[in-house]
Amino acid sequence: MDLSTTDATARIDGRTLAAASTTVVLWASAFVAIRSAGPHFGPGALALGRLLVGSLALLALLLYRREGLPPRSAWPGIAASGLLWFGLYTVALNWGEKQVDAGTAAMLVGVGPVLIALLGGWLLREGFPRGLLTGMAVSLAGAVVVGLSMSGGGGSSVLGIVLCLAAAVAYAAGVVSQKPALRTASPLQVTTFGCLIGAAACLPFTPQLLSDLADAPPSALLDVVYLGLFPTALAFTTWAYAISRTTAGRMGATTYSVPALVVLMAWVLLGEAPALLTLAGGALCLAGVAVSRRT
């Protein structure tokens, strides 16, 4: 009896870890793909293209599994996460990455777990870790250092920093909104309809998407398809699966390694490497996240 229970728990933990790891790697690759596609697509157009591809893939899987519509109680959380996370976050990040490199964007968005812990403790009653406020202060100091390191780049760099921080806020709010929906709806339902709502919110960018598609090279088109199938359809589903089995704050902490992976990927694939002061600021951002999650 005890052995069976232990084995079942281990299997669940293993699956949750595998889902979270899949999400982290694919989300890291998204920063690089966005940076690669950015010169050929406007921020809203890229978001719409990515979400349309993801929605089609998710709808096909939903129909195959015959899961149907989520219950009424899940819709407020699905709608909020769709608008904030799939919609606003994606557009803000795409726009931000037109101004700053992929690694810097990932480091700035990396303050999101601190905000998730704060909002989760307040709205979801998950509690406040002892070092949360200290961690927030450290992360914000890191964002300031990143800003100072790029101040010589002009207003566009400052705009990029603000947009990436706005993306972090939208990301955190989307995660916290999503968590209650997973109490009554499946991870696939929450992800599918959240993605559809995000795509619907981005429909005003349709003319720009059509224009960009006509001029984009094949490599940029592949970036859009990749973003839709993997960092969106697959990674958001594995995220929802994992977060349904733990707290929002703890799941946010699993994204600690995303900036480091992004810097490595961007260096290898795009030839981008942030300046030393930018890396120091990013390290402060991540240190603040780590401090905030200490128990």
Protein backbone atom coordinates (compact mmCIF):
# COMPACT_ATOMS: atom_id res chain seq x y z
CA MET A 1 0.00 0.00 0.00
CA ASP A 2 2.68 2.50 1.04
CA LEU A 3 4.99 1.36 -1.75
CA SER A 4 2.25 1.75 -4.35
CA THR A 5 1.44 5.24 -3.12
CA THR A 6 5.10 6.22 -3.19
CA ASP A 7 5.55 4.89 -6.72
CA ALA A 8 2.47 6.73 -7.95
CA THR A 9 3.73 9.98 -6.42
CA ALA A 10 7.13 9.46 -8.01
CA ARG A 11 5.54 8.91 -11.40
CA ILE A 12 3.48 12.07 -11.05
CA ASP A 13 6.53 14.06 -9.94
CA GLY A 14 8.54 12.69 -12.84
CA ARG A 15 5.87 13.63 -15.35
CA THR A 16 5.55 17.10 -13.89
CA LEU A 17 9.30 17.60 -14.06
CA ALA A 18 9.41 16.35 -17.65
CA ALA A 19 6.57 18.69 -18.64
CA ALA A 20 8.21 21.67 -16.95
CA SER A 21 11.59 20.89 -18.56
CA THR A 22 9.99 20.66 -22.00
CA THR A 23 8.36 24.03 -21.45
CA VAL A 24 11.60 25.70 -20.32
CA VAL A 25 13.61 24.53 -23.34
CA LEU A 26 10.93 25.42 -25.88
CA TRP A 27 10.23 28.82 -24.34
CA ALA A 28 13.96 29.56 -24.39
CA SER A 29 14.06 28.71 -28.10
CA ALA A 30 11.10 31.06 -28.67
CA PHE A 31 13.20 34.12 -27.77
CA VAL A 32 15.68 33.16 -30.49
CA ALA A 33 13.00 32.39 -33.10
CA ILE A 34 11.24 35.70 -32.38
CA ARG A 35 14.51 37.57 -32.82
CA SER A 36 15.13 35.70 -36.09
CA ALA A 37 11.65 36.40 -37.51
CA GLY A 38 11.45 39.96 -36.14
CA PRO A 39 13.02 41.78 -39.12
CA HIS A 40 10.37 40.33 -41.43
CA PHE A 41 7.21 40.63 -39.31
CA GLY A 42 5.63 43.38 -37.25
CA PRO A 43 5.11 42.56 -33.55
CA GLY A 44 1.35 42.13 -33.89
CA ALA A 45 1.60 40.24 -37.16
CA LEU A 46 4.12 37.80 -35.71
CA ALA A 47 1.92 37.27 -32.65
CA LEU A 48 -1.15 36.62 -34.80
CA GLY A 49 0.68 34.21 -37.11
CA ARG A 50 2.13 32.29 -34.17
CA LEU A 51 -1.22 32.08 -32.37
CA LEU A 52 -3.13 31.01 -35.49
CA VAL A 53 -0.71 28.15 -36.10
CA GLY A 54 -0.87 27.17 -32.43
CA SER A 55 -4.67 27.36 -32.37
CA LEU A 56 -5.02 25.08 -35.39
CA ALA A 57 -2.70 22.49 -33.87
CA LEU A 58 -4.40 22.64 -30.48
CA LEU A 59 -7.92 22.44 -31.97
CA ALA A 60 -6.92 19.37 -33.98
CA LEU A 61 -5.61 17.69 -30.82
CA LEU A 62 -8.68 18.74 -28.81
CA LEU A 63 -10.99 17.22 -31.43
CA TYR A 64 -8.90 14.06 -31.59
CA ARG A 65 -9.15 13.65 -27.81
CA ARG A 66 -12.85 14.67 -27.82
CA GLU A 67 -12.45 16.91 -24.80
CA GLY A 68 -15.04 19.48 -25.89
CA LEU A 69 -15.68 22.83 -24.23
CA PRO A 70 -14.36 23.64 -20.74
CA PRO A 71 -16.93 24.11 -17.94
CA ARG A 72 -18.41 27.57 -17.40
CA SER A 73 -16.45 28.09 -14.17
CA ALA A 74 -13.14 27.91 -16.06
CA TRP A 75 -13.93 30.60 -18.64
CA PRO A 76 -12.98 33.71 -16.61
CA GLY A 77 -9.47 32.36 -16.03
CA ILE A 78 -9.15 31.16 -19.61
CA ALA A 79 -10.28 34.52 -21.00
CA ALA A 80 -7.92 36.49 -18.74
CA SER A 81 -4.92 34.30 -19.54
CA GLY A 82 -5.78 34.39 -23.24
CA LEU A 83 -5.86 38.17 -23.36
CA LEU A 84 -2.94 38.84 -21.01
CA TRP A 85 -0.55 35.98 -21.70
CA PHE A 86 -1.25 34.72 -25.22
CA GLY A 87 -2.18 38.17 -26.53
CA LEU A 88 -0.56 41.08 -24.69
CA TYR A 89 2.58 39.22 -23.59
CA THR A 90 3.29 37.91 -27.09
CA VAL A 91 2.90 41.30 -28.78
CA ALA A 92 4.93 43.12 -26.11
CA LEU A 93 7.74 40.56 -26.26
CA ASN A 94 7.85 40.64 -30.07
CA TRP A 95 8.06 44.43 -29.99
CA GLY A 96 10.65 44.40 -27.22
CA GLU A 97 12.88 42.01 -29.14
CA LYS A 98 13.00 44.47 -32.02
CA GLN A 99 14.83 46.81 -29.65
CA VAL A 100 17.02 44.48 -27.54
CA ASP A 101 18.78 41.18 -28.16
CA ALA A 102 17.20 37.84 -27.26
CA GLY A 103 19.34 37.26 -24.15
CA THR A 104 18.59 40.69 -22.69
CA ALA A 105 14.87 40.22 -23.35
CA ALA A 106 14.92 36.86 -21.57
CA MET A 107 16.73 38.33 -18.55
CA LEU A 108 14.18 41.13 -18.23
CA VAL A 109 11.20 38.81 -18.65
CA GLY A 110 12.97 36.65 -16.05
CA VAL A 111 11.56 38.89 -13.29
CA GLY A 112 8.19 37.32 -14.06
CA PRO A 113 8.56 34.52 -11.47
CA VAL A 114 8.89 37.12 -8.71
CA LEU A 115 5.64 38.71 -9.83
CA ILE A 116 3.98 35.30 -10.09
CA ALA A 117 4.98 34.54 -6.51
CA LEU A 118 3.65 37.91 -5.36
CA LEU A 119 0.34 37.63 -7.20
CA GLY A 120 -0.02 33.95 -6.31
CA GLY A 121 0.49 34.70 -2.65
CA TRP A 122 -2.09 37.47 -2.75
CA LEU A 123 -4.78 36.27 -5.15
CA LEU A 124 -4.40 32.50 -4.91
CA ARG A 125 -3.53 32.48 -1.20
CA GLU A 126 -0.34 30.49 -1.83
CA GLY A 127 1.47 32.49 0.85
CA PHE A 128 4.42 34.88 0.71
CA PRO A 129 7.94 33.42 0.84
CA ARG A 130 10.12 35.13 3.43
CA GLY A 131 12.49 36.67 0.92
CA LEU A 132 9.88 37.77 -1.63
CA LEU A 133 10.11 41.52 -1.12
CA THR A 134 13.91 41.41 -0.94
CA GLY A 135 13.99 39.39 -4.14
CA MET A 136 11.74 41.89 -5.89
CA ALA A 137 14.05 44.76 -4.90
CA VAL A 138 17.11 42.88 -6.19
CA SER A 139 15.39 42.01 -9.48
CA LEU A 140 14.28 45.59 -10.04
CA ALA A 141 17.85 46.75 -9.33
CA GLY A 142 19.01 44.30 -11.98
CA ALA A 143 16.55 45.74 -14.48
CA VAL A 144 17.94 49.22 -13.75
CA VAL A 145 21.49 47.96 -14.36
CA VAL A 146 20.38 46.46 -17.68
CA GLY A 147 18.84 49.81 -18.58
CA LEU A 148 22.00 51.71 -17.68
CA SER A 149 24.14 49.27 -19.66
CA MET A 150 22.06 50.02 -22.76
CA SER A 151 21.52 53.74 -22.20
CA GLY A 152 24.00 54.57 -24.92
CA GLY A 153 21.79 52.81 -27.45
CA GLY A 154 19.19 55.58 -27.49
CA GLY A 155 15.48 55.65 -26.82
CA SER A 156 14.80 52.45 -28.73
CA SER A 157 16.75 50.42 -26.14
CA VAL A 158 14.87 52.04 -23.28
CA LEU A 159 11.61 51.25 -25.08
CA GLY A 160 12.73 47.65 -25.46
CA ILE A 161 13.41 47.37 -21.74
CA VAL A 162 10.00 48.81 -20.86
CA LEU A 163 8.27 46.47 -23.30
CA CYS A 164 10.07 43.39 -21.94
CA LEU A 165 9.15 44.37 -18.38
CA ALA A 166 5.55 44.89 -19.52
CA ALA A 167 5.68 41.41 -21.04
CA ALA A 168 6.86 40.05 -17.67
CA VAL A 169 3.87 41.66 -15.92
CA ALA A 170 1.44 40.25 -18.51
CA TYR A 171 3.09 36.83 -18.20
CA ALA A 172 2.74 36.81 -14.42
CA ALA A 173 -0.87 37.99 -14.51
CA GLY A 174 -1.68 35.38 -17.16
CA VAL A 175 -0.20 32.56 -15.11
CA VAL A 176 -2.10 33.54 -11.98
CA SER A 177 -5.31 33.88 -14.00
CA GLN A 178 -4.81 30.46 -15.54
CA LYS A 179 -4.30 28.53 -12.32
CA PRO A 180 -7.96 28.64 -11.08
CA ALA A 181 -9.22 27.54 -14.50
CA LEU A 182 -7.19 24.34 -14.20
CA ARG A 183 -9.24 23.28 -11.18
CA THR A 184 -12.19 22.40 -13.41
CA ALA A 185 -10.80 22.27 -16.97
CA SER A 186 -8.08 20.11 -18.50
CA PRO A 187 -4.67 21.55 -19.43
CA LEU A 188 -5.48 21.05 -23.11
CA GLN A 189 -8.81 22.86 -22.83
CA VAL A 190 -7.27 25.80 -20.97
CA THR A 191 -4.41 26.09 -23.45
CA THR A 192 -6.53 25.69 -26.58
CA PHE A 193 -9.16 28.25 -25.73
CA GLY A 194 -6.65 30.64 -24.20
CA CYS A 195 -4.70 30.52 -27.46
CA LEU A 196 -7.90 31.07 -29.48
CA ILE A 197 -8.81 34.11 -27.38
CA GLY A 198 -5.31 35.51 -27.79
CA ALA A 199 -5.52 34.98 -31.56
CA ALA A 200 -8.91 36.70 -31.68
CA ALA A 201 -7.49 39.68 -29.78
CA CYS A 202 -4.72 39.96 -32.39
CA LEU A 203 -7.05 39.83 -35.42
CA PRO A 204 -6.70 43.61 -36.03
CA PHE A 205 -3.14 42.80 -37.17
CA THR A 206 -4.46 40.63 -40.05
CA PRO A 207 -3.68 43.13 -42.86
CA GLN A 208 -0.12 43.51 -41.62
CA LEU A 209 0.29 39.73 -41.34
CA LEU A 210 -0.89 39.21 -44.91
CA SER A 211 1.49 41.89 -46.16
CA ASP A 212 4.43 40.48 -44.18
CA LEU A 213 3.71 36.92 -45.32
CA ALA A 214 3.94 38.01 -48.94
CA ASP A 215 7.43 39.46 -48.46
CA ALA A 216 8.95 37.17 -45.82
CA PRO A 217 11.66 34.67 -46.80
CA PRO A 218 11.06 30.93 -46.24
CA SER A 219 13.25 30.92 -43.12
CA ALA A 220 11.03 33.53 -41.44
CA LEU A 221 7.90 31.58 -42.38
CA LEU A 222 9.42 28.50 -40.77
CA ASP A 223 10.10 30.57 -37.64
CA VAL A 224 6.39 31.45 -37.41
CA VAL A 225 5.34 27.83 -37.86
CA TYR A 226 7.90 26.69 -35.31
CA LEU A 227 6.72 29.30 -32.78
CA GLY A 228 3.11 28.18 -33.24
CA LEU A 229 3.68 24.45 -33.01
CA PHE A 230 6.33 24.14 -30.33
CA PRO A 231 6.76 27.14 -27.95
CA THR A 232 2.98 27.78 -28.18
CA ALA A 233 0.93 24.61 -28.77
CA LEU A 234 3.27 22.12 -27.10
CA ALA A 235 5.02 24.21 -24.45
CA PHE A 236 1.91 25.99 -23.17
CA THR A 237 0.15 22.63 -22.86
CA THR A 238 3.02 21.04 -20.94
CA TRP A 239 3.12 24.17 -18.75
CA ALA A 240 -0.61 23.91 -17.99
CA TYR A 241 -0.20 20.21 -17.21
CA ALA A 242 2.63 20.92 -14.79
CA ILE A 243 1.06 23.95 -13.08
CA SER A 244 -2.14 21.98 -12.49
CA ARG A 245 -0.06 19.74 -10.20
CA THR A 246 1.75 22.41 -8.17
CA THR A 247 1.56 26.09 -7.18
CA ALA A 248 1.92 29.02 -9.56
CA GLY A 249 4.90 30.32 -7.58
CA ARG A 250 6.79 27.05 -7.75
CA MET A 251 6.12 26.65 -11.45
CA GLY A 252 7.32 30.19 -12.06
CA ALA A 253 10.57 29.24 -10.33
CA THR A 254 11.18 26.50 -12.92
CA THR A 255 11.83 29.20 -15.52
CA TYR A 256 15.03 30.36 -13.75
CA SER A 257 17.18 28.70 -16.40
CA VAL A 258 15.41 30.22 -19.42
CA PRO A 259 17.65 33.34 -19.69
CA ALA A 260 20.84 31.28 -19.52
CA LEU A 261 19.55 28.95 -22.23
CA VAL A 262 18.50 31.91 -24.37
CA VAL A 263 21.91 33.58 -24.09
CA LEU A 264 23.57 30.30 -25.15
CA MET A 265 21.15 29.70 -28.04
CA ALA A 266 21.36 33.30 -29.25
CA TRP A 267 25.15 33.19 -29.17
CA VAL A 268 25.29 29.94 -31.17
CA LEU A 269 22.43 30.61 -33.62
CA LEU A 270 22.34 34.40 -33.97
CA GLY A 271 25.83 35.47 -32.95
CA GLU A 272 24.39 37.69 -30.21
CA ALA A 273 26.09 38.12 -26.85
CA PRO A 274 25.00 40.74 -24.30
CA ALA A 275 27.62 43.14 -22.92
CA LEU A 276 29.23 42.30 -19.57
CA LEU A 277 27.28 45.00 -17.69
CA THR A 278 24.06 43.73 -19.25
CA LEU A 279 24.93 40.21 -18.12
CA ALA A 280 25.63 41.54 -14.63
CA GLY A 281 22.21 43.21 -14.56
CA GLY A 282 20.60 40.04 -15.81
CA ALA A 283 22.38 38.06 -13.12
CA LEU A 284 20.94 40.46 -10.52
CA CYS A 285 17.46 39.91 -11.96
CA LEU A 286 17.89 36.16 -11.62
CA ALA A 287 19.44 36.46 -8.17
CA GLY A 288 16.38 38.39 -7.07
CA VAL A 289 14.15 35.64 -8.42
CA ALA A 290 16.20 33.03 -6.54
CA VAL A 291 16.07 35.01 -3.29
CA SER A 292 12.34 35.48 -3.61
CA ARG A 293 11.78 31.72 -3.85
CA ARG A 294 13.90 30.71 -0.86
CA THR A 295 11.88 29.13 1.92
